[in-house]
Amino acid sequence: MLESILRYPDVVMIEKTPARMIAPGKYVLRDLCVCTTLQESLMHVTVTAEESTVSKIRLRWHTSSRLSGQVLGDAWERGYADLAWDTLTPYRTLPWYCLVHSTEGTVGYGVRVRPGAICSWQLDPEGITLWLDVRCGGQGVALQGRSLQAADIVCAIDPDRSPFQAAQAFCHLMCSDPALPDHPVYGANNWYYAYGHSSREAILEDAAYLASLTQGLSNRPYMVIDDGWQAGRYHPDGTYETHYNGGPWLPNPLFGDMQTLADAISQNNVIPGIWVRLLQDHTAPDAWKLPGGGLDPSLPEVLHSIADTIHRIGQWGFRLLKHDFSTFDIFGRWGWEMPCEMAEDGWHFHNTSCTSAEIVRDLYHTIYTAACEAGMLVLGCNAIGHLGAGLMHMNRTGDDTSGLMWERTLRFGVNTLAFRMPQHRTFFDADADCIGISPLIPWEKNRQWGRLLSQSGTSLFVSVKPGSLCPETEAELREMYADASRPHPPAEPLDWLNTGLPQDWSLDGTPVTFHWYMPWGLDIGCGAGPAWDKVWKEVSAGLP
């Protein structure tokens, strides 16, 4: 039986102690109060505290019959090949929202985007639990009498539509105000063939090559300069810095004046874009930094500095801003290192009166506002999509694909494109990352990845060294770019209930089957972790 939870919780725990209900929907423990207010389509959850700090709140609804079915959850930030429909697993943490599918239909449990708490779900046969992490970093928040708008809970039962259609509708319910580009975004990104080894001349070659591959298309592409342009990537002796990729966000001598570079890119009839890591700057005062070394976005001076950086980049003439690493620079770990919660215990932001969710949300608002003032689209990478929906035009769905290892493209590209596709055009435009073209990946495989991206309705970016392709491959890439320049309905993974790497898709309403696997199958141990670190060290020492 599919059950709604839009009713007062049966149990409310503050920290590890049950709270007492003193009125319908109002639960107290000492000077702490959790108030749940019902409306027709959602439930508001507010938290107040006078003197006590508060860390975690648990809301629990008992089910009238045993809960069962296949379960799909989201991820804290990007996906790391960990998204799939799975069995109901009571000890599994489901960040932000989840869906349950059975023969009776599909039901969604979630919170509306941009909540004041970091939210996750747990499902077991006897009930549904929502965790509200209201900590400030890894310590309790000091609300000091104010009312925290912790979350707006939503629930939808869909007995008739397919799980994919139900998931799309549920994402619409969670986000009523996405910030969407008014045109399909596509183009080139130099990372997956250059890996930071770049220069002004190389970027202009990239831009000219992109222009030749998209000649005649009215919707013009973006040439995104990725990591490698900033001062910290270059040593005075002319060698490349492999261990630091932060600010200050000023060009190194290999790139020179950025305004004239942006102008030169534009003269190719392509649109300049650029990558930044806004929370990493070794020239910033130590007082601005978190314990892990990233800038502390709870400080007004940090937000002002970030806005100034974005305005400067906009004045140079760039029209797409890709901001990266913000989750790692705040929390000190990647999404795959967050099994149950985002923050480790024992640290806090400078401003201890706000929750982590509020601070991250304010950071995204600062970036989005400054970028819009500067006339730039915003692409988030290593960003928390549920906190950034409505504050970024595009969001990277998964960890990096690769121009070196095909398995990374499958694990982090295909997997997250499929299972986060319901967020496309509902939260933001999805970006499943690039086609990394190199001799190490058979074109027969990248051709399929390119077709899926270019006809999915999502962003298509290609990393390819100018002049490295044969005429036949160039012709196919031109066709992909032409497809990507036009709107498409969201691609639908048709076999996603049964696999983590869907092969059967609906593209523009036409069923298409992809053959992802090498003759020997799929290598293992090549995603995030030591195996990839080994490959990356080989790459950073000199590209093959």
Protein backbone atom coordinates (compact mmCIF):
# COMPACT_ATOMS: atom_id res chain seq x y z
CA MET A 1 0.00 0.00 0.00
CA LEU A 2 1.34 3.44 -0.99
CA GLU A 3 1.11 5.78 1.99
CA SER A 4 1.28 9.54 2.37
CA ILE A 5 3.19 11.11 5.25
CA LEU A 6 1.38 14.45 5.11
CA ARG A 7 0.19 14.04 8.67
CA TYR A 8 1.77 14.77 12.02
CA PRO A 9 4.75 12.53 12.78
CA ASP A 10 4.22 9.67 15.18
CA VAL A 11 7.63 10.25 16.79
CA VAL A 12 9.89 13.30 16.91
CA MET A 13 13.39 12.93 18.33
CA ILE A 14 15.59 15.91 19.18
CA GLU A 15 19.15 14.64 19.32
CA LYS A 16 18.55 11.17 20.82
CA THR A 17 15.62 12.04 23.08
CA PRO A 18 11.89 11.78 22.20
CA ALA A 19 10.17 15.17 22.23
CA ARG A 20 6.76 15.65 23.88
CA MET A 21 3.79 16.73 21.76
CA ILE A 22 2.08 19.60 23.62
CA ALA A 23 -0.32 20.54 20.82
CA PRO A 24 -1.15 19.07 17.40
CA GLY A 25 2.12 19.13 15.46
CA LYS A 26 4.12 20.88 18.20
CA TYR A 27 6.90 18.94 19.94
CA VAL A 28 9.14 20.24 22.74
CA LEU A 29 12.22 19.21 24.66
CA ARG A 30 13.44 21.73 27.24
CA ASP A 31 13.81 25.04 25.34
CA LEU A 32 13.75 23.31 21.94
CA CYS A 33 10.60 23.22 19.82
CA VAL A 34 9.82 21.48 16.53
CA CYS A 35 6.64 22.65 14.86
CA THR A 36 5.03 20.79 11.95
CA THR A 37 2.32 22.71 10.14
CA LEU A 38 0.11 20.93 7.63
CA GLN A 39 -1.05 22.42 4.36
CA GLU A 40 -2.89 20.71 1.53
CA SER A 41 0.23 19.65 -0.41
CA LEU A 42 3.09 19.96 2.09
CA MET A 43 4.17 20.16 5.70
CA HIS A 44 6.28 23.04 7.05
CA VAL A 45 8.86 22.11 9.67
CA THR A 46 10.28 24.88 11.84
CA VAL A 47 12.76 24.62 14.70
CA THR A 48 13.27 27.11 17.52
CA ALA A 49 15.70 27.13 20.43
CA GLU A 50 16.46 29.75 23.04
CA GLU A 51 19.78 28.84 24.67
CA SER A 52 20.42 25.22 23.70
CA THR A 53 22.29 24.29 20.56
CA VAL A 54 20.68 21.66 18.33
CA SER A 55 22.27 19.20 15.92
CA LYS A 56 19.84 16.61 14.57
CA ILE A 57 16.11 16.05 14.53
CA ARG A 58 14.33 12.90 13.51
CA LEU A 59 10.71 12.71 12.32
CA ARG A 60 9.13 9.27 12.09
CA TRP A 61 5.86 8.08 10.52
CA HIS A 62 4.62 4.55 11.15
CA THR A 63 3.06 2.83 8.16
CA SER A 64 -0.28 1.07 8.40
CA SER A 65 1.01 -1.86 6.33
CA ARG A 66 4.42 -3.22 5.49
CA LEU A 67 6.36 -0.91 3.15
CA SER A 68 7.92 -2.69 0.19
CA GLY A 69 9.11 -2.09 -3.35
CA GLN A 70 12.13 -0.80 -5.24
CA VAL A 71 13.70 2.37 -3.85
CA LEU A 72 15.55 5.20 -5.62
CA GLY A 73 17.36 7.87 -3.63
CA ASP A 74 19.44 10.88 -4.61
CA ALA A 75 23.03 11.85 -3.68
CA TRP A 76 24.46 14.48 -1.34
CA GLU A 77 26.19 16.28 -4.22
CA ARG A 78 27.34 14.55 -7.43
CA GLY A 79 26.70 10.89 -8.08
CA TYR A 80 29.59 8.42 -7.85
CA ALA A 81 28.17 5.40 -9.69
CA ASP A 82 25.98 4.83 -6.63
CA LEU A 83 22.54 5.72 -8.04
CA ALA A 84 20.13 2.87 -8.80
CA TRP A 85 16.75 1.41 -7.97
CA ASP A 86 17.48 -0.94 -5.09
CA THR A 87 15.75 -3.11 -2.55
CA LEU A 88 14.32 -1.48 0.55
CA THR A 89 17.39 -1.33 2.81
CA PRO A 90 16.67 0.08 6.31
CA TYR A 91 20.24 1.20 7.01
CA ARG A 92 20.61 3.03 3.68
CA THR A 93 20.74 6.83 3.83
CA LEU A 94 18.72 8.51 1.06
CA PRO A 95 19.73 12.17 0.68
CA TRP A 96 17.07 14.82 -0.04
CA TYR A 97 14.33 12.60 -1.51
CA CYS A 98 13.40 9.06 -2.40
CA LEU A 99 10.89 7.17 -4.51
CA VAL A 100 9.32 3.76 -3.90
CA HIS A 101 7.95 1.78 -6.83
CA SER A 102 5.76 -1.32 -6.61
CA THR A 103 2.93 -2.93 -8.53
CA GLU A 104 0.63 -0.32 -6.96
CA GLY A 105 2.51 2.62 -8.49
CA THR A 106 5.16 5.07 -7.32
CA VAL A 107 5.31 7.27 -4.22
CA GLY A 108 7.79 10.07 -3.55
CA TYR A 109 8.98 11.39 -0.17
CA GLY A 110 11.08 14.54 -0.19
CA VAL A 111 11.68 18.12 0.84
CA ARG A 112 11.35 21.16 -1.35
CA VAL A 113 14.63 22.57 -2.65
CA ARG A 114 16.74 25.04 -0.67
CA PRO A 115 15.75 23.82 2.83
CA GLY A 116 17.33 25.19 5.97
CA ALA A 117 18.52 21.72 7.02
CA ILE A 118 20.53 18.99 5.33
CA CYS A 119 17.86 16.34 4.88
CA SER A 120 17.91 12.59 4.37
CA TRP A 121 15.47 9.69 4.53
CA GLN A 122 15.46 6.15 5.84
CA LEU A 123 12.86 3.58 4.89
CA ASP A 124 12.09 0.30 6.62
CA PRO A 125 9.11 -2.05 6.41
CA GLU A 126 7.45 -0.43 9.43
CA GLY A 127 7.99 3.25 8.79
CA ILE A 128 9.50 6.30 7.13
CA THR A 129 12.08 8.51 8.85
CA LEU A 130 13.27 11.99 7.92
CA TRP A 131 16.55 13.24 9.39
CA LEU A 132 17.10 16.99 9.65
CA ASP A 133 20.77 17.82 10.16
CA VAL A 134 20.69 21.40 11.46
CA ARG A 135 24.30 21.55 12.59
CA CYS A 136 26.64 24.41 11.84
CA GLY A 137 29.41 22.37 10.27
CA GLY A 138 30.01 19.53 12.72
CA GLN A 139 28.57 21.20 15.83
CA GLY A 140 25.11 22.18 17.01
CA VAL A 141 23.66 25.43 15.68
CA ALA A 142 22.95 28.27 18.13
CA LEU A 143 19.58 29.59 16.94
CA GLN A 144 19.38 32.10 19.82
CA GLY A 145 15.60 32.35 19.73
CA ARG A 146 15.08 32.59 15.99
CA SER A 147 12.80 30.27 14.03
CA LEU A 148 14.60 28.07 11.51
CA GLN A 149 12.62 27.13 8.41
CA ALA A 150 14.08 23.64 8.38
CA ALA A 151 12.16 21.97 5.54
CA ASP A 152 8.95 21.78 3.57
CA ILE A 153 8.02 18.12 3.29
CA VAL A 154 6.23 16.93 0.15
CA CYS A 155 4.74 13.58 -0.74
CA ALA A 156 3.10 12.38 -3.96
CA ILE A 157 1.39 9.09 -4.79
CA ASP A 158 1.25 8.26 -8.50
CA PRO A 159 -0.58 5.02 -9.24
CA ASP A 160 -0.79 5.42 -13.02
CA ARG A 161 2.34 6.89 -14.63
CA SER A 162 5.65 5.17 -15.23
CA PRO A 163 8.32 5.49 -12.53
CA PHE A 164 10.23 7.93 -14.75
CA GLN A 165 7.20 10.16 -15.32
CA ALA A 166 6.35 9.99 -11.62
CA ALA A 167 9.93 10.98 -10.75
CA GLN A 168 9.79 13.97 -13.13
CA ALA A 169 6.49 15.13 -11.64
CA PHE A 170 7.88 14.75 -8.12
CA CYS A 171 10.94 16.84 -8.98
CA HIS A 172 8.56 19.52 -10.30
CA LEU A 173 6.76 19.38 -6.97
CA MET A 174 10.03 19.89 -5.08
CA CYS A 175 11.11 22.86 -7.23
CA SER A 176 8.68 25.47 -8.57
CA ASP A 177 11.31 28.07 -9.58
CA PRO A 178 14.22 26.54 -11.53
CA ALA A 179 16.68 28.95 -13.17
CA LEU A 180 16.90 27.51 -16.68
CA PRO A 181 18.91 28.66 -19.70
CA ASP A 182 16.69 29.98 -22.47
CA HIS A 183 18.64 27.97 -25.07
CA PRO A 184 20.40 24.60 -25.27
CA VAL A 185 23.93 24.91 -23.88
CA TYR A 186 26.72 23.01 -25.61
CA GLY A 187 30.29 23.46 -26.74
CA ALA A 188 33.85 22.52 -25.81
CA ASN A 189 35.85 22.18 -22.60
CA ASN A 190 39.59 21.65 -22.80
CA TRP A 191 40.02 19.61 -19.60
CA TYR A 192 39.78 16.02 -20.82
CA TYR A 193 42.47 16.28 -23.41
CA ALA A 194 44.71 18.97 -21.86
CA TYR A 195 44.20 18.24 -18.13
CA GLY A 196 45.32 21.77 -17.26
CA HIS A 197 48.32 21.93 -19.62
CA SER A 198 47.07 24.84 -21.69
CA SER A 199 47.80 28.36 -22.90
CA ARG A 200 46.25 31.34 -24.66
CA GLU A 201 47.30 29.97 -28.05
CA ALA A 202 45.87 26.52 -27.31
CA ILE A 203 42.52 27.99 -26.22
CA LEU A 204 42.29 30.08 -29.38
CA GLU A 205 42.98 26.94 -31.42
CA ASP A 206 40.20 25.22 -29.48
CA ALA A 207 37.83 28.12 -30.19
CA ALA A 208 38.63 28.17 -33.91
CA TYR A 209 38.17 24.40 -34.11
CA LEU A 210 34.84 24.60 -32.27
CA ALA A 211 33.71 27.32 -34.68
CA SER A 212 34.58 25.12 -37.66
CA LEU A 213 32.64 22.17 -36.20
CA THR A 214 29.54 24.30 -35.54
CA GLN A 215 29.57 26.48 -38.64
CA GLY A 216 26.07 27.52 -39.69
CA LEU A 217 24.37 26.74 -36.36
CA SER A 218 22.34 29.70 -35.15
CA ASN A 219 22.57 28.73 -31.47
CA ARG A 220 26.27 29.33 -30.85
CA PRO A 221 28.46 27.08 -28.65
CA TYR A 222 30.48 27.87 -25.52
CA MET A 223 34.25 27.51 -25.32
CA VAL A 224 34.92 26.79 -21.64
CA ILE A 225 38.47 27.33 -20.34
CA ASP A 226 38.89 24.80 -17.56
CA ASP A 227 41.46 24.62 -14.76
CA GLY A 228 44.96 25.75 -15.77
CA TRP A 229 44.52 29.43 -16.64
CA GLN A 230 45.02 30.82 -13.13
CA ALA A 231 48.23 32.18 -11.63
CA GLY A 232 48.69 29.31 -9.16
CA ARG A 233 49.02 26.73 -11.95
CA TYR A 234 52.24 28.23 -13.29
CA HIS A 235 55.75 28.42 -11.81
CA PRO A 236 58.11 31.27 -12.70
CA ASP A 237 60.49 28.70 -14.24
CA GLY A 238 57.77 27.78 -16.75
CA THR A 239 56.79 24.43 -15.20
CA TYR A 240 53.24 23.33 -14.45
CA GLU A 241 51.97 23.18 -10.83
CA THR A 242 50.21 19.85 -10.23
CA HIS A 243 49.35 20.17 -6.53
CA TYR A 244 47.45 23.46 -6.32
CA ASN A 245 44.48 24.54 -8.42
CA GLY A 246 43.07 27.45 -6.44
CA GLY A 247 43.19 31.23 -6.68
CA PRO A 248 43.94 34.07 -6.79
CA TRP A 249 41.74 34.28 -9.88
CA LEU A 250 44.15 36.17 -12.06
CA PRO A 251 45.78 34.81 -15.22
CA ASN A 252 49.20 33.24 -15.44
CA PRO A 253 51.70 34.43 -18.08
CA LEU A 254 50.67 31.68 -20.51
CA PHE A 255 47.22 33.28 -20.81
CA GLY A 256 47.96 36.99 -20.49
CA ASP A 257 45.20 39.59 -20.55
CA MET A 258 41.88 37.78 -20.11
CA GLN A 259 39.71 40.49 -21.63
CA THR A 260 41.53 40.37 -24.93
CA LEU A 261 41.43 36.56 -24.77
CA ALA A 262 37.65 36.58 -24.27
CA ASP A 263 37.36 39.06 -27.16
CA ALA A 264 39.46 36.80 -29.38
CA ILE A 265 37.31 33.78 -28.49
CA SER A 266 34.19 35.78 -29.33
CA GLN A 267 35.65 36.79 -32.70
CA ASN A 268 35.40 33.10 -33.63
CA ASN A 269 31.64 33.40 -33.12
CA VAL A 270 31.74 31.19 -30.04
CA ILE A 271 30.90 32.24 -26.47
CA PRO A 272 33.64 32.41 -23.80
CA GLY A 273 33.22 30.40 -20.59
CA ILE A 274 35.59 29.77 -17.69
CA TRP A 275 36.19 27.49 -14.67
CA VAL A 276 36.90 28.68 -11.11
CA ARG A 277 37.36 27.21 -7.62
CA LEU A 278 35.99 30.09 -5.59
CA LEU A 279 36.62 28.72 -2.07
CA GLN A 280 40.34 28.07 -2.55
CA ASP A 281 42.75 31.01 -2.51
CA HIS A 282 46.14 30.85 -0.77
CA THR A 283 46.41 34.66 -0.78
CA ALA A 284 43.30 35.10 1.39
CA PRO A 285 43.77 35.93 5.10
CA ASP A 286 43.93 32.92 7.41
CA ALA A 287 41.00 34.39 9.36
CA TRP A 288 38.82 33.76 6.31
CA LYS A 289 39.54 30.04 6.23
CA LEU A 290 37.91 26.90 7.57
CA PRO A 291 40.01 24.29 9.40
CA GLY A 292 40.52 22.40 6.13
CA GLY A 293 41.85 25.46 4.32
CA GLY A 294 38.82 26.41 2.22
CA LEU A 295 37.31 29.85 2.53
CA ASP A 296 34.50 30.17 5.08
CA PRO A 297 31.33 31.27 3.23
CA SER A 298 29.62 32.23 6.49
CA LEU A 299 31.82 35.34 6.56
CA PRO A 300 30.40 38.40 4.74
CA GLU A 301 33.88 39.43 3.61
CA VAL A 302 34.36 36.08 1.87
CA LEU A 303 31.06 36.43 0.02
CA HIS A 304 31.96 39.99 -0.98
CA SER A 305 35.33 38.80 -2.30
CA ILE A 306 33.64 36.03 -4.30
CA ALA A 307 31.18 38.51 -5.80
CA ASP A 308 34.03 40.83 -6.74
CA THR A 309 35.86 37.95 -8.47
CA ILE A 310 32.77 37.04 -10.47
CA HIS A 311 32.13 40.65 -11.48
CA ARG A 312 35.75 40.92 -12.68
CA ILE A 313 35.44 37.74 -14.75
CA GLY A 314 32.21 39.05 -16.23
CA GLN A 315 33.91 42.34 -17.11
CA TRP A 316 36.58 40.37 -18.96
CA GLY A 317 33.80 39.15 -21.24
CA PHE A 318 33.10 35.58 -20.10
CA ARG A 319 29.49 34.46 -20.32
CA LEU A 320 29.49 31.08 -18.56
CA LEU A 321 30.91 30.52 -15.06
CA LYS A 322 31.69 26.95 -13.99
CA HIS A 323 32.25 26.95 -10.22
CA ASP A 324 33.78 23.82 -8.76
CA PHE A 325 34.94 22.12 -5.52
CA SER A 326 32.66 24.08 -3.16
CA THR A 327 31.32 21.00 -1.36
CA PHE A 328 34.80 19.53 -0.88
CA ASP A 329 36.27 22.85 0.20
CA ILE A 330 33.56 23.27 2.86
CA PHE A 331 33.11 19.72 4.17
CA GLY A 332 36.56 18.29 3.44
CA ARG A 333 35.39 15.14 1.69
CA TRP A 334 33.70 13.89 -1.47
CA GLY A 335 30.15 12.60 -1.71
CA TRP A 336 31.33 8.98 -1.79
CA GLU A 337 32.98 9.60 1.60
CA MET A 338 29.66 10.71 3.17
CA PRO A 339 27.79 7.48 3.90
CA CYS A 340 25.33 8.93 6.41
CA GLU A 341 25.95 12.66 6.74
CA MET A 342 27.82 15.45 5.01
CA ALA A 343 29.86 16.92 7.88
CA GLU A 344 32.19 15.19 10.29
CA ASP A 345 31.90 16.20 13.94
CA GLY A 346 34.17 18.68 15.67
CA TRP A 347 34.29 21.86 13.58
CA HIS A 348 32.05 24.82 12.85
CA PHE A 349 31.72 27.86 10.62
CA HIS A 350 32.63 31.28 11.96
CA ASN A 351 28.95 32.19 12.12
CA THR A 352 27.57 29.57 14.54
CA SER A 353 23.99 30.90 14.39
CA CYS A 354 23.29 29.50 10.91
CA THR A 355 23.03 25.93 9.70
CA SER A 356 25.33 24.44 7.08
CA ALA A 357 22.41 24.33 4.64
CA GLU A 358 21.70 28.03 5.12
CA ILE A 359 25.36 28.95 4.66
CA VAL A 360 25.75 26.88 1.48
CA ARG A 361 22.47 28.28 0.15
CA ASP A 362 23.71 31.84 0.77
CA LEU A 363 26.96 31.02 -1.05
CA TYR A 364 25.05 29.82 -4.11
CA HIS A 365 22.81 32.88 -3.96
CA THR A 366 25.89 35.14 -3.94
CA ILE A 367 27.42 33.34 -6.92
CA TYR A 368 24.16 33.33 -8.88
CA THR A 369 23.35 36.99 -8.20
CA ALA A 370 26.84 38.20 -9.13
CA ALA A 371 26.93 36.02 -12.26
CA CYS A 372 23.52 37.24 -13.43
CA GLU A 373 24.60 40.85 -12.85
CA ALA A 374 27.64 40.10 -15.02
CA GLY A 375 25.55 38.45 -17.74
CA MET A 376 26.82 34.91 -17.11
CA LEU A 377 25.18 31.51 -16.93
CA VAL A 378 26.11 29.42 -13.87
CA LEU A 379 27.24 25.80 -14.04
CA GLY A 380 27.72 24.14 -10.66
CA CYS A 381 30.21 21.28 -10.26
CA ASN A 382 30.76 19.44 -6.95
CA ALA A 383 27.70 21.44 -5.89
CA ILE A 384 24.75 20.35 -3.75
CA GLY A 385 21.95 20.26 -6.27
CA HIS A 386 19.09 20.32 -3.78
CA LEU A 387 20.44 23.50 -2.20
CA GLY A 388 21.37 25.03 -5.57
CA ALA A 389 18.19 24.41 -7.57
CA GLY A 390 16.93 27.85 -8.58
CA LEU A 391 20.42 29.30 -7.98
CA MET A 392 22.32 27.67 -10.86
CA HIS A 393 21.33 27.25 -14.48
CA MET A 394 23.14 23.94 -14.89
CA ASN A 395 24.51 21.32 -12.53
CA ARG A 396 26.96 18.47 -13.00
CA THR A 397 25.11 15.27 -12.18
CA GLY A 398 28.15 13.09 -11.49
CA ASP A 399 31.86 12.89 -10.83
CA ASP A 400 34.29 13.39 -13.72
CA THR A 401 34.05 11.35 -16.89
CA SER A 402 37.36 10.74 -18.61
CA GLY A 403 39.45 11.00 -21.72
CA LEU A 404 41.65 8.23 -20.30
CA MET A 405 39.38 5.51 -18.87
CA TRP A 406 36.11 4.56 -20.55
CA GLU A 407 34.83 2.97 -17.35
CA ARG A 408 34.72 6.37 -15.61
CA THR A 409 32.47 7.72 -18.35
CA LEU A 410 30.11 4.80 -17.85
CA ARG A 411 30.13 4.94 -14.06
CA PHE A 412 29.88 8.69 -13.60
CA GLY A 413 28.38 9.78 -16.91
CA VAL A 414 25.80 7.23 -18.01
CA ASN A 415 24.76 6.28 -14.46
CA THR A 416 24.05 9.80 -13.27
CA LEU A 417 22.52 10.94 -16.55
CA ALA A 418 19.97 8.16 -16.16
CA PHE A 419 19.10 8.42 -12.49
CA ARG A 420 19.19 12.21 -12.24
CA MET A 421 17.42 12.76 -15.54
CA PRO A 422 14.15 13.58 -13.70
CA GLN A 423 15.94 16.68 -12.33
CA HIS A 424 16.65 17.95 -15.85
CA ARG A 425 14.54 21.03 -16.61
CA THR A 426 12.85 20.64 -13.23
CA PHE A 427 15.75 21.64 -10.92
CA PHE A 428 18.19 22.95 -13.57
CA ASP A 429 19.68 21.78 -16.84
CA ALA A 430 21.59 18.56 -16.22
CA ASP A 431 25.24 18.27 -17.27
CA ALA A 432 26.48 14.68 -17.28
CA ASP A 433 29.99 15.90 -18.19
CA CYS A 434 32.11 15.72 -21.30
CA ILE A 435 32.99 13.43 -24.13
CA GLY A 436 36.70 13.06 -23.54
CA ILE A 437 38.17 12.20 -26.94
CA SER A 438 41.61 10.58 -27.02
CA PRO A 439 43.33 7.52 -28.56
CA LEU A 440 42.81 5.71 -25.25
CA ILE A 441 39.04 5.48 -25.72
CA PRO A 442 37.62 3.80 -28.86
CA TRP A 443 35.57 6.22 -30.93
CA GLU A 444 32.94 3.50 -31.28
CA LYS A 445 32.25 3.96 -27.54
CA ASN A 446 32.49 7.75 -27.44
CA ARG A 447 30.24 7.91 -30.52
CA GLN A 448 27.46 6.29 -28.48
CA TRP A 449 28.04 8.53 -25.45
CA GLY A 450 27.96 11.55 -27.77
CA ARG A 451 24.72 10.47 -29.38
CA LEU A 452 23.06 9.97 -26.01
CA LEU A 453 24.17 13.38 -24.75
CA SER A 454 23.42 15.30 -27.94
CA GLN A 455 19.87 13.93 -28.18
CA SER A 456 19.08 13.88 -24.45
CA GLY A 457 18.22 17.58 -24.11
CA THR A 458 21.07 18.00 -21.59
CA SER A 459 24.31 19.93 -22.01
CA LEU A 460 26.93 18.52 -24.38
CA PHE A 461 30.59 19.50 -23.92
CA VAL A 462 33.42 17.90 -25.87
CA SER A 463 37.13 17.76 -25.05
CA VAL A 464 39.11 17.18 -28.22
CA LYS A 465 42.54 18.33 -29.36
CA PRO A 466 42.26 20.33 -32.58
CA GLY A 467 43.41 18.39 -35.60
CA SER A 468 43.41 15.02 -33.87
CA LEU A 469 40.35 13.59 -35.63
CA CYS A 470 40.01 11.99 -39.03
CA PRO A 471 37.48 13.53 -41.47
CA GLU A 472 34.88 10.82 -40.82
CA THR A 473 34.98 11.36 -37.04
CA GLU A 474 34.84 15.13 -37.50
CA ALA A 475 31.72 14.73 -39.62
CA GLU A 476 30.04 12.68 -36.88
CA LEU A 477 31.03 15.26 -34.25
CA ARG A 478 29.48 18.01 -36.40
CA GLU A 479 26.23 16.05 -36.42
CA MET A 480 26.35 15.71 -32.62
CA TYR A 481 26.89 19.43 -32.21
CA ALA A 482 24.01 20.16 -34.58
CA ASP A 483 21.76 17.88 -32.51
CA ALA A 484 22.92 19.44 -29.23
CA SER A 485 22.20 22.95 -30.51
CA ARG A 486 18.49 22.14 -30.78
CA PRO A 487 15.98 21.47 -27.98
CA HIS A 488 15.02 17.86 -27.25
CA PRO A 489 12.63 16.30 -24.76
CA PRO A 490 14.44 14.71 -21.82
CA ALA A 491 15.85 11.30 -22.70
CA GLU A 492 14.24 8.45 -20.77
CA PRO A 493 16.17 5.40 -19.53
CA LEU A 494 13.83 2.52 -20.33
CA ASP A 495 15.62 -0.26 -18.41
CA TRP A 496 16.61 1.76 -15.35
CA LEU A 497 14.61 -0.39 -12.94
CA ASN A 498 16.90 -3.32 -13.70
CA THR A 499 20.42 -1.93 -14.10
CA GLY A 500 22.74 0.82 -12.93
CA LEU A 501 23.95 1.42 -16.51
CA PRO A 502 20.85 1.69 -18.70
CA GLN A 503 21.35 0.57 -22.29
CA ASP A 504 17.82 1.09 -23.57
CA TRP A 505 16.75 4.71 -23.96
CA SER A 506 14.00 6.74 -25.54
CA LEU A 507 15.51 9.61 -27.56
CA ASP A 508 13.01 12.00 -29.12
CA GLY A 509 10.43 9.27 -28.60
CA THR A 510 12.46 6.64 -30.48
CA PRO A 511 13.83 3.54 -28.66
CA VAL A 512 17.61 3.25 -28.95
CA THR A 513 19.90 0.55 -27.53
CA PHE A 514 23.51 1.33 -26.67
CA HIS A 515 26.33 -1.19 -26.34
CA TRP A 516 28.50 0.20 -23.58
CA TYR A 517 30.76 -2.74 -22.80
CA MET A 518 34.15 -3.72 -24.11
CA PRO A 519 34.55 -7.29 -25.41
CA TRP A 520 36.09 -8.19 -22.05
CA GLY A 521 33.35 -6.48 -20.07
CA LEU A 522 33.87 -3.69 -17.54
CA ASP A 523 37.04 -3.10 -15.52
CA ILE A 524 36.52 -2.63 -11.80
CA GLY A 525 38.30 -0.48 -9.27
CA CYS A 526 38.76 2.38 -11.75
CA GLY A 527 36.39 4.94 -10.29
CA ALA A 528 37.08 7.21 -7.34
CA GLY A 529 39.89 6.01 -5.10
CA PRO A 530 43.43 4.59 -5.36
CA ALA A 531 43.19 3.15 -8.89
CA TRP A 532 42.14 6.48 -10.31
CA ASP A 533 44.75 8.28 -8.21
CA LYS A 534 47.42 6.12 -9.85
CA VAL A 535 46.19 7.02 -13.33
CA TRP A 536 45.96 10.68 -12.40
CA LYS A 537 49.58 10.76 -11.15
CA GLU A 538 50.69 9.32 -14.47
CA VAL A 539 48.70 11.96 -16.32
CA SER A 540 49.93 14.87 -14.21
CA ALA A 541 53.52 13.80 -14.86
CA GLY A 542 52.95 14.19 -18.61
CA LEU A 543 50.06 13.46 -20.90
CA PRO A 544 50.28 10.24 -22.93
